[in-house]
Amino acid sequence: MTDEEAIEVLKRMKSELESLSEISQEARATVTLDQQSVGRLSRMDALQGQAMAQASERQRRADIQRIEAALRRIEDGEFGYCVECGEEIAPKRLEVDSAAAFCINCAQ
């Protein structure tokens, strides 16, 4: 995978994650607890849905940070090399996860 291909893949991944973040914004919003309009179980379901949406958002933000770090490694000429040991990351691993920062040995 060339640097240009990696940049394209990483930017597309980042854009998709940011779009998902915007779409799920309402699901992460504060749940209004109005006993007159919603029963107890419905409120619990709403709170659980909110918690799951917030957890998904945290994972998306972590993934975006990994993507941004990979883009910085490309700029620095360090893309494709393990940040731990400096060995080359297998091309197949980068095809599966273009934001991979560790070789398979260091990732374990």
PDB file of N, CA and C in Angstrom:
ATOM      1  N   MET A   1       0.846  -1.171   0.000  1.00  0.00           N
ATOM      2  CA  MET A   1       0.000   0.000   0.000  1.00  0.00           C
ATOM      3  C   MET A   1       0.894   1.237   0.000  1.00  0.00           C
ATOM      4  N   THR A   2       0.674   2.096  -0.958  1.00  0.00           N
ATOM      5  CA  THR A   2       1.465   3.320  -1.031  1.00  0.00           C
ATOM      6  C   THR A   2       0.942   4.336  -0.010  1.00  0.00           C
ATOM      7  N   ASP A   3       1.740   5.353   0.256  1.00  0.00           N
ATOM      8  CA  ASP A   3       1.329   6.403   1.185  1.00  0.00           C
ATOM      9  C   ASP A   3       0.062   7.099   0.688  1.00  0.00           C
ATOM     10  N   GLU A   4      -0.015   7.335  -0.622  1.00  0.00           N
ATOM     11  CA  GLU A   4      -1.186   7.998  -1.183  1.00  0.00           C
ATOM     12  C   GLU A   4      -2.446   7.165  -0.993  1.00  0.00           C
ATOM     13  N   GLU A   5      -2.329   5.856  -1.207  1.00  0.00           N
ATOM     14  CA  GLU A   5      -3.471   4.960  -0.987  1.00  0.00           C
ATOM     15  C   GLU A   5      -3.870   4.951   0.485  1.00  0.00           C
ATOM     16  N   ALA A   6      -2.879   4.916   1.358  1.00  0.00           N
ATOM     17  CA  ALA A   6      -3.152   4.915   2.791  1.00  0.00           C
ATOM     18  C   ALA A   6      -3.844   6.212   3.213  1.00  0.00           C
ATOM     19  N   ILE A   7      -3.374   7.335   2.691  1.00  0.00           N
ATOM     20  CA  ILE A   7      -3.989   8.626   3.024  1.00  0.00           C
ATOM     21  C   ILE A   7      -5.450   8.625   2.597  1.00  0.00           C
ATOM     22  N   GLU A   8      -5.717   8.136   1.397  1.00  0.00           N
ATOM     23  CA  GLU A   8      -7.089   8.098   0.888  1.00  0.00           C
ATOM     24  C   GLU A   8      -7.978   7.234   1.783  1.00  0.00           C
ATOM     25  N   VAL A   9      -7.497   6.046   2.132  1.00  0.00           N
ATOM     26  CA  VAL A   9      -8.267   5.129   2.978  1.00  0.00           C
ATOM     27  C   VAL A   9      -8.495   5.751   4.359  1.00  0.00           C
ATOM     28  N   LEU A  10      -7.448   6.310   4.944  1.00  0.00           N
ATOM     29  CA  LEU A  10      -7.559   6.881   6.285  1.00  0.00           C
ATOM     30  C   LEU A  10      -8.510   8.077   6.309  1.00  0.00           C
ATOM     31  N   LYS A  11      -8.428   8.931   5.307  1.00  0.00           N
ATOM     32  CA  LYS A  11      -9.320  10.096   5.262  1.00  0.00           C
ATOM     33  C   LYS A  11     -10.767   9.667   5.069  1.00  0.00           C
ATOM     34  N   ARG A  12     -10.987   8.634   4.271  1.00  0.00           N
ATOM     35  CA  ARG A  12     -12.348   8.133   4.067  1.00  0.00           C
ATOM     36  C   ARG A  12     -12.889   7.551   5.374  1.00  0.00           C
ATOM     37  N   MET A  13     -12.054   6.783   6.082  1.00  0.00           N
ATOM     38  CA  MET A  13     -12.467   6.220   7.368  1.00  0.00           C
ATOM     39  C   MET A  13     -12.808   7.323   8.366  1.00  0.00           C
ATOM     40  N   LYS A  14     -11.977   8.346   8.426  1.00  0.00           N
ATOM     41  CA  LYS A  14     -12.201   9.448   9.349  1.00  0.00           C
ATOM     42  C   LYS A  14     -13.506  10.165   9.021  1.00  0.00           C
ATOM     43  N   SER A  15     -13.755  10.401   7.750  1.00  0.00           N
ATOM     44  CA  SER A  15     -14.982  11.071   7.313  1.00  0.00           C
ATOM     45  C   SER A  15     -16.218  10.253   7.700  1.00  0.00           C
ATOM     46  N   GLU A  16     -16.153   8.957   7.504  1.00  0.00           N
ATOM     47  CA  GLU A  16     -17.280   8.088   7.863  1.00  0.00           C
ATOM     48  C   GLU A  16     -17.539   8.124   9.361  1.00  0.00           C
ATOM     49  N   LEU A  17     -16.483   8.087  10.162  1.00  0.00           N
ATOM     50  CA  LEU A  17     -16.641   8.137  11.615  1.00  0.00           C
ATOM     51  C   LEU A  17     -17.221   9.468  12.070  1.00  0.00           C
ATOM     52  N   GLU A  18     -16.774  10.546  11.459  1.00  0.00           N
ATOM     53  CA  GLU A  18     -17.309  11.860  11.809  1.00  0.00           C
ATOM     54  C   GLU A  18     -18.786  11.973  11.423  1.00  0.00           C
ATOM     55  N   SER A  19     -19.171  11.383  10.305  1.00  0.00           N
ATOM     56  CA  SER A  19     -20.577  11.388   9.888  1.00  0.00           C
ATOM     57  C   SER A  19     -21.430  10.598  10.878  1.00  0.00           C
ATOM     58  N   LEU A  20     -20.942   9.440  11.281  1.00  0.00           N
ATOM     59  CA  LEU A  20     -21.666   8.641  12.273  1.00  0.00           C
ATOM     60  C   LEU A  20     -21.816   9.400  13.586  1.00  0.00           C
ATOM     61  N   SER A  21     -20.789  10.133  13.952  1.00  0.00           N
ATOM     62  CA  SER A  21     -20.827  10.918  15.177  1.00  0.00           C
ATOM     63  C   SER A  21     -21.930  11.969  15.113  1.00  0.00           C
ATOM     64  N   GLU A  22     -22.043  12.627  13.978  1.00  0.00           N
ATOM     65  CA  GLU A  22     -23.091  13.639  13.808  1.00  0.00           C
ATOM     66  C   GLU A  22     -24.479  13.006  13.852  1.00  0.00           C
ATOM     67  N   ILE A  23     -24.623  11.869  13.194  1.00  0.00           N
ATOM     68  CA  ILE A  23     -25.916  11.186  13.141  1.00  0.00           C
ATOM     69  C   ILE A  23     -26.370  10.758  14.535  1.00  0.00           C
ATOM     70  N   SER A  24     -25.445  10.304  15.359  1.00  0.00           N
ATOM     71  CA  SER A  24     -25.811   9.763  16.674  1.00  0.00           C
ATOM     72  C   SER A  24     -25.850  10.824  17.773  1.00  0.00           C
ATOM     73  N   GLN A  25     -25.688  12.071  17.415  1.00  0.00           N
ATOM     74  CA  GLN A  25     -25.652  13.142  18.414  1.00  0.00           C
ATOM     75  C   GLN A  25     -26.931  13.172  19.255  1.00  0.00           C
ATOM     76  N   GLU A  26     -28.062  13.021  18.639  1.00  0.00           N
ATOM     77  CA  GLU A  26     -29.329  13.057  19.378  1.00  0.00           C
ATOM     78  C   GLU A  26     -29.444  11.886  20.352  1.00  0.00           C
ATOM     79  N   ALA A  27     -28.957  10.714  19.966  1.00  0.00           N
ATOM     80  CA  ALA A  27     -29.032   9.540  20.836  1.00  0.00           C
ATOM     81  C   ALA A  27     -28.168   9.700  22.083  1.00  0.00           C
ATOM     82  N   ARG A  28     -27.122  10.529  21.978  1.00  0.00           N
ATOM     83  CA  ARG A  28     -26.227  10.735  23.121  1.00  0.00           C
ATOM     84  C   ARG A  28     -26.699  11.861  24.035  1.00  0.00           C
ATOM     85  N   ALA A  29     -27.723  12.595  23.612  1.00  0.00           N
ATOM     86  CA  ALA A  29     -28.198  13.749  24.367  1.00  0.00           C
ATOM     87  C   ALA A  29     -28.784  13.310  25.711  1.00  0.00           C
ATOM     88  N   THR A  30     -28.888  14.262  26.614  1.00  0.00           N
ATOM     89  CA  THR A  30     -29.434  14.009  27.940  1.00  0.00           C
ATOM     90  C   THR A  30     -30.868  13.502  27.824  1.00  0.00           C
ATOM     91  N   VAL A  31     -31.170  12.455  28.580  1.00  0.00           N
ATOM     92  CA  VAL A  31     -32.507  11.880  28.588  1.00  0.00           C
ATOM     93  C   VAL A  31     -33.368  12.681  29.558  1.00  0.00           C
ATOM     94  N   THR A  32     -34.510  13.151  29.075  1.00  0.00           N
ATOM     95  CA  THR A  32     -35.446  13.876  29.915  1.00  0.00           C
ATOM     96  C   THR A  32     -36.281  12.877  30.695  1.00  0.00           C
ATOM     97  N   LEU A  33     -36.290  13.027  31.999  1.00  0.00           N
ATOM     98  CA  LEU A  33     -37.026  12.099  32.858  1.00  0.00           C
ATOM     99  C   LEU A  33     -38.337  12.744  33.306  1.00  0.00           C
ATOM    100  N   ASP A  34     -39.341  12.642  32.474  1.00  0.00           N
ATOM    101  CA  ASP A  34     -40.656  13.189  32.760  1.00  0.00           C
ATOM    102  C   ASP A  34     -41.582  12.020  33.051  1.00  0.00           C
ATOM    103  N   GLN A  35     -41.948  11.836  34.324  1.00  0.00           N
ATOM    104  CA  GLN A  35     -42.768  10.684  34.706  1.00  0.00           C
ATOM    105  C   GLN A  35     -44.160  10.720  34.101  1.00  0.00           C
ATOM    106  N   GLN A  36     -44.634  11.866  33.721  1.00  0.00           N
ATOM    107  CA  GLN A  36     -45.971  11.964  33.155  1.00  0.00           C
ATOM    108  C   GLN A  36     -46.021  11.395  31.738  1.00  0.00           C
ATOM    109  N   SER A  37     -44.927  11.518  30.993  1.00  0.00           N
ATOM    110  CA  SER A  37     -44.981  11.111  29.590  1.00  0.00           C
ATOM    111  C   SER A  37     -44.309   9.774  29.301  1.00  0.00           C
ATOM    112  N   VAL A  38     -43.468   9.313  30.200  1.00  0.00           N
ATOM    113  CA  VAL A  38     -42.728   8.080  29.936  1.00  0.00           C
ATOM    114  C   VAL A  38     -42.743   7.209  31.187  1.00  0.00           C
ATOM    115  N   GLY A  39     -43.033   5.951  31.019  1.00  0.00           N
ATOM    116  CA  GLY A  39     -43.022   5.022  32.146  1.00  0.00           C
ATOM    117  C   GLY A  39     -41.613   4.687  32.586  1.00  0.00           C
ATOM    118  N   ARG A  40     -41.506   4.035  33.744  1.00  0.00           N
ATOM    119  CA  ARG A  40     -40.209   3.733  34.331  1.00  0.00           C
ATOM    120  C   ARG A  40     -39.346   2.869  33.414  1.00  0.00           C
ATOM    121  N   LEU A  41     -39.917   1.834  32.826  1.00  0.00           N
ATOM    122  CA  LEU A  41     -39.136   0.958  31.950  1.00  0.00           C
ATOM    123  C   LEU A  41     -38.692   1.693  30.694  1.00  0.00           C
ATOM    124  N   SER A  42     -39.540   2.556  30.169  1.00  0.00           N
ATOM    125  CA  SER A  42     -39.166   3.323  28.982  1.00  0.00           C
ATOM    126  C   SER A  42     -37.995   4.252  29.294  1.00  0.00           C
ATOM    127  N   ARG A  43     -38.009   4.854  30.490  1.00  0.00           N
ATOM    128  CA  ARG A  43     -36.896   5.729  30.889  1.00  0.00           C
ATOM    129  C   ARG A  43     -35.617   4.921  31.022  1.00  0.00           C
ATOM    130  N   MET A  44     -35.732   3.726  31.589  1.00  0.00           N
ATOM    131  CA  MET A  44     -34.540   2.867  31.725  1.00  0.00           C
ATOM    132  C   MET A  44     -34.001   2.488  30.349  1.00  0.00           C
ATOM    133  N   ASP A  45     -34.909   2.179  29.426  1.00  0.00           N
ATOM    134  CA  ASP A  45     -34.488   1.870  28.049  1.00  0.00           C
ATOM    135  C   ASP A  45     -33.800   3.071  27.416  1.00  0.00           C
ATOM    136  N   ALA A  46     -34.357   4.266  27.636  1.00  0.00           N
ATOM    137  CA  ALA A  46     -33.769   5.483  27.070  1.00  0.00           C
ATOM    138  C   ALA A  46     -32.389   5.734  27.655  1.00  0.00           C
ATOM    139  N   LEU A  47     -32.242   5.527  28.964  1.00  0.00           N
ATOM    140  CA  LEU A  47     -30.933   5.718  29.605  1.00  0.00           C
ATOM    141  C   LEU A  47     -29.918   4.696  29.101  1.00  0.00           C
ATOM    142  N   GLN A  48     -30.380   3.459  28.930  1.00  0.00           N
ATOM    143  CA  GLN A  48     -29.486   2.423  28.407  1.00  0.00           C
ATOM    144  C   GLN A  48     -29.074   2.747  26.972  1.00  0.00           C
ATOM    145  N   GLY A  49     -30.016   3.199  26.157  1.00  0.00           N
ATOM    146  CA  GLY A  49     -29.705   3.586  24.782  1.00  0.00           C
ATOM    147  C   GLY A  49     -28.712   4.739  24.745  1.00  0.00           C
ATOM    148  N   GLN A  50     -28.903   5.697  25.637  1.00  0.00           N
ATOM    149  CA  GLN A  50     -27.983   6.834  25.713  1.00  0.00           C
ATOM    150  C   GLN A  50     -26.583   6.355  26.093  1.00  0.00           C
ATOM    151  N   ALA A  51     -26.493   5.465  27.079  1.00  0.00           N
ATOM    152  CA  ALA A  51     -25.190   4.955  27.517  1.00  0.00           C
ATOM    153  C   ALA A  51     -24.485   4.207  26.388  1.00  0.00           C
ATOM    154  N   MET A  52     -25.243   3.427  25.630  1.00  0.00           N
ATOM    155  CA  MET A  52     -24.637   2.695  24.511  1.00  0.00           C
ATOM    156  C   MET A  52     -24.171   3.661  23.427  1.00  0.00           C
ATOM    157  N   ALA A  53     -24.954   4.693  23.159  1.00  0.00           N
ATOM    158  CA  ALA A  53     -24.563   5.685  22.153  1.00  0.00           C
ATOM    159  C   ALA A  53     -23.312   6.440  22.596  1.00  0.00           C
ATOM    160  N   GLN A  54     -23.215   6.736  23.882  1.00  0.00           N
ATOM    161  CA  GLN A  54     -22.033   7.436  24.394  1.00  0.00           C
ATOM    162  C   GLN A  54     -20.796   6.539  24.322  1.00  0.00           C
ATOM    163  N   ALA A  55     -20.963   5.252  24.612  1.00  0.00           N
ATOM    164  CA  ALA A  55     -19.836   4.318  24.508  1.00  0.00           C
ATOM    165  C   ALA A  55     -19.372   4.197  23.053  1.00  0.00           C
ATOM    166  N   SER A  56     -20.316   4.141  22.129  1.00  0.00           N
ATOM    167  CA  SER A  56     -19.967   4.079  20.707  1.00  0.00           C
ATOM    168  C   SER A  56     -19.222   5.333  20.286  1.00  0.00           C
ATOM    169  N   GLU A  57     -19.640   6.480  20.802  1.00  0.00           N
ATOM    170  CA  GLU A  57     -18.973   7.742  20.469  1.00  0.00           C
ATOM    171  C   GLU A  57     -17.543   7.756  21.003  1.00  0.00           C
ATOM    172  N   ARG A  58     -17.343   7.247  22.206  1.00  0.00           N
ATOM    173  CA  ARG A  58     -15.973   7.178  22.752  1.00  0.00           C
ATOM    174  C   ARG A  58     -15.086   6.318  21.859  1.00  0.00           C
ATOM    175  N   GLN A  59     -15.624   5.190  21.374  1.00  0.00           N
ATOM    176  CA  GLN A  59     -14.846   4.320  20.481  1.00  0.00           C
ATOM    177  C   GLN A  59     -14.560   5.020  19.164  1.00  0.00           C
ATOM    178  N   ARG A  60     -15.543   5.740  18.623  1.00  0.00           N
ATOM    179  CA  ARG A  60     -15.321   6.488  17.377  1.00  0.00           C
ATOM    180  C   ARG A  60     -14.223   7.529  17.573  1.00  0.00           C
ATOM    181  N   ARG A  61     -14.250   8.244  18.686  1.00  0.00           N
ATOM    182  CA  ARG A  61     -13.231   9.272  18.957  1.00  0.00           C
ATOM    183  C   ARG A  61     -11.843   8.634  19.071  1.00  0.00           C
ATOM    184  N   ALA A  62     -11.764   7.467  19.707  1.00  0.00           N
ATOM    185  CA  ALA A  62     -10.481   6.765  19.804  1.00  0.00           C
ATOM    186  C   ALA A  62      -9.990   6.345  18.417  1.00  0.00           C
ATOM    187  N   ASP A  63     -10.908   5.870  17.578  1.00  0.00           N
ATOM    188  CA  ASP A  63     -10.541   5.472  16.214  1.00  0.00           C
ATOM    189  C   ASP A  63     -10.073   6.676  15.400  1.00  0.00           C
ATOM    190  N   ILE A  64     -10.733   7.810  15.563  1.00  0.00           N
ATOM    191  CA  ILE A  64     -10.324   9.029  14.857  1.00  0.00           C
ATOM    192  C   ILE A  64      -8.925   9.444  15.304  1.00  0.00           C
ATOM    193  N   GLN A  65      -8.626   9.310  16.580  1.00  0.00           N
ATOM    194  CA  GLN A  65      -7.279   9.642  17.071  1.00  0.00           C
ATOM    195  C   GLN A  65      -6.239   8.707  16.463  1.00  0.00           C
ATOM    196  N   ARG A  66      -6.567   7.410  16.340  1.00  0.00           N
ATOM    197  CA  ARG A  66      -5.647   6.457  15.714  1.00  0.00           C
ATOM    198  C   ARG A  66      -5.402   6.830  14.248  1.00  0.00           C
ATOM    199  N   ILE A  67      -6.459   7.233  13.556  1.00  0.00           N
ATOM    200  CA  ILE A  67      -6.344   7.626  12.147  1.00  0.00           C
ATOM    201  C   ILE A  67      -5.480   8.868  12.016  1.00  0.00           C
ATOM    202  N   GLU A  68      -5.713   9.859  12.872  1.00  0.00           N
ATOM    203  CA  GLU A  68      -4.915  11.085  12.829  1.00  0.00           C
ATOM    204  C   GLU A  68      -3.443  10.790  13.129  1.00  0.00           C
ATOM    205  N   ALA A  69      -3.186   9.866  14.050  1.00  0.00           N
ATOM    206  CA  ALA A  69      -1.805   9.483  14.350  1.00  0.00           C
ATOM    207  C   ALA A  69      -1.159   8.809  13.141  1.00  0.00           C
ATOM    208  N   ALA A  70      -1.927   7.981  12.434  1.00  0.00           N
ATOM    209  CA  ALA A  70      -1.399   7.316  11.231  1.00  0.00           C
ATOM    210  C   ALA A  70      -1.090   8.352  10.147  1.00  0.00           C
ATOM    211  N   LEU A  71      -1.955   9.345  10.003  1.00  0.00           N
ATOM    212  CA  LEU A  71      -1.693  10.399   9.014  1.00  0.00           C
ATOM    213  C   LEU A  71      -0.434  11.192   9.378  1.00  0.00           C
ATOM    214  N   ARG A  72      -0.208  11.415  10.663  1.00  0.00           N
ATOM    215  CA  ARG A  72       1.032  12.094  11.094  1.00  0.00           C
ATOM    216  C   ARG A  72       2.254  11.223  10.802  1.00  0.00           C
ATOM    217  N   ARG A  73       2.117   9.891  10.998  1.00  0.00           N
ATOM    218  CA  ARG A  73       3.242   8.999  10.694  1.00  0.00           C
ATOM    219  C   ARG A  73       3.572   9.032   9.209  1.00  0.00           C
ATOM    220  N   ILE A  74       2.548   9.172   8.362  1.00  0.00           N
ATOM    221  CA  ILE A  74       2.795   9.281   6.917  1.00  0.00           C
ATOM    222  C   ILE A  74       3.578  10.557   6.639  1.00  0.00           C
ATOM    223  N   GLU A  75       3.143  11.675   7.225  1.00  0.00           N
ATOM    224  CA  GLU A  75       3.837  12.957   7.035  1.00  0.00           C
ATOM    225  C   GLU A  75       5.289  12.881   7.497  1.00  0.00           C
ATOM    226  N   ASP A  76       5.529  12.144   8.586  1.00  0.00           N
ATOM    227  CA  ASP A  76       6.874  12.038   9.157  1.00  0.00           C
ATOM    228  C   ASP A  76       7.727  10.961   8.485  1.00  0.00           C
ATOM    229  N   GLY A  77       7.130  10.220   7.532  1.00  0.00           N
ATOM    230  CA  GLY A  77       7.867   9.160   6.853  1.00  0.00           C
ATOM    231  C   GLY A  77       8.040   7.911   7.696  1.00  0.00           C
ATOM    232  N   GLU A  78       7.195   7.744   8.707  1.00  0.00           N
ATOM    233  CA  GLU A  78       7.305   6.599   9.615  1.00  0.00           C
ATOM    234  C   GLU A  78       6.152   5.613   9.452  1.00  0.00           C
ATOM    235  N   PHE A  79       5.287   5.847   8.477  1.00  0.00           N
ATOM    236  CA  PHE A  79       4.142   4.965   8.276  1.00  0.00           C
ATOM    237  C   PHE A  79       4.613   3.591   7.828  1.00  0.00           C
ATOM    238  N   GLY A  80       3.989   2.561   8.385  1.00  0.00           N
ATOM    239  CA  GLY A  80       4.330   1.184   8.017  1.00  0.00           C
ATOM    240  C   GLY A  80       5.390   0.577   8.905  1.00  0.00           C
ATOM    241  N   TYR A  81       5.853   1.346   9.893  1.00  0.00           N
ATOM    242  CA  TYR A  81       6.848   0.839  10.839  1.00  0.00           C
ATOM    243  C   TYR A  81       6.268   0.866  12.242  1.00  0.00           C
ATOM    244  N   CYS A  82       6.539  -0.171  12.997  1.00  0.00           N
ATOM    245  CA  CYS A  82       6.030  -0.317  14.352  1.00  0.00           C
ATOM    246  C   CYS A  82       6.558   0.809  15.243  1.00  0.00           C
ATOM    247  N   VAL A  83       5.661   1.460  15.982  1.00  0.00           N
ATOM    248  CA  VAL A  83       6.089   2.548  16.869  1.00  0.00           C
ATOM    249  C   VAL A  83       6.809   2.013  18.107  1.00  0.00           C
ATOM    250  N   GLU A  84       6.684   0.716  18.365  1.00  0.00           N
ATOM    251  CA  GLU A  84       7.332   0.102  19.535  1.00  0.00           C
ATOM    252  C   GLU A  84       8.749  -0.374  19.208  1.00  0.00           C
ATOM    253  N   CYS A  85       8.867  -1.226  18.184  1.00  0.00           N
ATOM    254  CA  CYS A  85      10.168  -1.847  17.900  1.00  0.00           C
ATOM    255  C   CYS A  85      10.836  -1.306  16.631  1.00  0.00           C
ATOM    256  N   GLY A  86      10.083  -0.592  15.792  1.00  0.00           N
ATOM    257  CA  GLY A  86      10.651  -0.033  14.574  1.00  0.00           C
ATOM    258  C   GLY A  86      10.658  -0.980  13.394  1.00  0.00           C
ATOM    259  N   GLU A  87      10.211  -2.217  13.589  1.00  0.00           N
ATOM    260  CA  GLU A  87      10.159  -3.182  12.486  1.00  0.00           C
ATOM    261  C   GLU A  87       9.017  -2.827  11.534  1.00  0.00           C
ATOM    262  N   GLU A  88       9.137  -3.287  10.305  1.00  0.00           N
ATOM    263  CA  GLU A  88       8.102  -3.030   9.317  1.00  0.00           C
ATOM    264  C   GLU A  88       6.823  -3.782   9.685  1.00  0.00           C
ATOM    265  N   ILE A  89       5.697  -3.109   9.559  1.00  0.00           N
ATOM    266  CA  ILE A  89       4.396  -3.742   9.785  1.00  0.00           C
ATOM    267  C   ILE A  89       4.025  -4.468   8.496  1.00  0.00           C
ATOM    268  N   ALA A  90       3.559  -5.700   8.633  1.00  0.00           N
ATOM    269  CA  ALA A  90       3.211  -6.510   7.457  1.00  0.00           C
ATOM    270  C   ALA A  90       2.200  -5.776   6.581  1.00  0.00           C
ATOM    271  N   PRO A  91       2.438  -5.755   5.264  1.00  0.00           N
ATOM    272  CA  PRO A  91       1.512  -5.073   4.344  1.00  0.00           C
ATOM    273  C   PRO A  91       0.069  -5.562   4.464  1.00  0.00           C
ATOM    274  N   LYS A  92      -0.118  -6.859   4.685  1.00  0.00           N
ATOM    275  CA  LYS A  92      -1.475  -7.404   4.831  1.00  0.00           C
ATOM    276  C   LYS A  92      -2.149  -6.822   6.080  1.00  0.00           C
ATOM    277  N   ARG A  93      -1.376  -6.610   7.139  1.00  0.00           N
ATOM    278  CA  ARG A  93      -1.924  -6.019   8.370  1.00  0.00           C
ATOM    279  C   ARG A  93      -2.390  -4.589   8.087  1.00  0.00           C
ATOM    280  N   LEU A  94      -1.601  -3.847   7.316  1.00  0.00           N
ATOM    281  CA  LEU A  94      -1.973  -2.473   6.987  1.00  0.00           C
ATOM    282  C   LEU A  94      -3.177  -2.428   6.047  1.00  0.00           C
ATOM    283  N   GLU A  95      -3.341  -3.457   5.210  1.00  0.00           N
ATOM    284  CA  GLU A  95      -4.517  -3.515   4.348  1.00  0.00           C
ATOM    285  C   GLU A  95      -5.777  -3.699   5.182  1.00  0.00           C
ATOM    286  N   VAL A  96      -5.667  -4.497   6.241  1.00  0.00           N
ATOM    287  CA  VAL A  96      -6.805  -4.748   7.118  1.00  0.00           C
ATOM    288  C   VAL A  96      -7.071  -3.552   8.021  1.00  0.00           C
ATOM    289  N   ASP A  97      -6.005  -2.965   8.570  1.00  0.00           N
ATOM    290  CA  ASP A  97      -6.123  -1.815   9.476  1.00  0.00           C
ATOM    291  C   ASP A  97      -5.054  -0.798   9.114  1.00  0.00           C
ATOM    292  N   SER A  98      -5.437   0.164   8.299  1.00  0.00           N
ATOM    293  CA  SER A  98      -4.477   1.158   7.819  1.00  0.00           C
ATOM    294  C   SER A  98      -3.939   2.042   8.937  1.00  0.00           C
ATOM    295  N   ALA A  99      -4.614   2.081  10.078  1.00  0.00           N
ATOM    296  CA  ALA A  99      -4.174   2.898  11.204  1.00  0.00           C
ATOM    297  C   ALA A  99      -3.304   2.110  12.186  1.00  0.00           C
ATOM    298  N   ALA A 100      -2.971   0.860  11.842  1.00  0.00           N
ATOM    299  CA  ALA A 100      -2.179   0.028  12.752  1.00  0.00           C
ATOM    300  C   ALA A 100      -0.849   0.699  13.056  1.00  0.00           C
ATOM    301  N   ALA A 101      -0.529   0.776  14.351  1.00  0.00           N
ATOM    302  CA  ALA A 101       0.712   1.425  14.772  1.00  0.00           C
ATOM    303  C   ALA A 101       1.755   0.397  15.232  1.00  0.00           C
ATOM    304  N   PHE A 102       1.332  -0.837  15.410  1.00  0.00           N
ATOM    305  CA  PHE A 102       2.221  -1.860  15.951  1.00  0.00           C
ATOM    306  C   PHE A 102       2.302  -3.061  15.020  1.00  0.00           C
ATOM    307  N   CYS A 103       3.458  -3.694  14.979  1.00  0.00           N
ATOM    308  CA  CYS A 103       3.590  -4.969  14.263  1.00  0.00           C
ATOM    309  C   CYS A 103       2.805  -6.013  15.051  1.00  0.00           C
ATOM    310  N   ILE A 104       2.604  -7.157  14.466  1.00  0.00           N
ATOM    311  CA  ILE A 104       1.781  -8.191  15.109  1.00  0.00           C
ATOM    312  C   ILE A 104       2.394  -8.633  16.431  1.00  0.00           C
ATOM    313  N   ASN A 105       3.723  -8.707  16.509  1.00  0.00           N
ATOM    314  CA  ASN A 105       4.368  -9.146  17.759  1.00  0.00           C
ATOM    315  C   ASN A 105       4.169  -8.140  18.878  1.00  0.00           C
ATOM    316  N   CYS A 106       4.340  -6.873  18.599  1.00  0.00           N
ATOM    317  CA  CYS A 106       4.188  -5.834  19.634  1.00  0.00           C
ATOM    318  C   CYS A 106       2.725  -5.602  19.998  1.00  0.00           C
ATOM    319  N   ALA A 107       1.822  -5.877  19.052  1.00  0.00           N
ATOM    320  CA  ALA A 107       0.394  -5.687  19.318  1.00  0.00           C
ATOM    321  C   ALA A 107      -0.134  -6.719  20.317  1.00  0.00           C
ATOM    322  N   GLN A 108       0.548  -7.864  20.379  1.00  0.00           N
ATOM    323  CA  GLN A 108       0.113  -8.909  21.311  1.00  0.00           C
ATOM    324  C   GLN A 108       0.560  -8.525  22.679  1.00  0.00           C
TER     325      GLN A 108
END
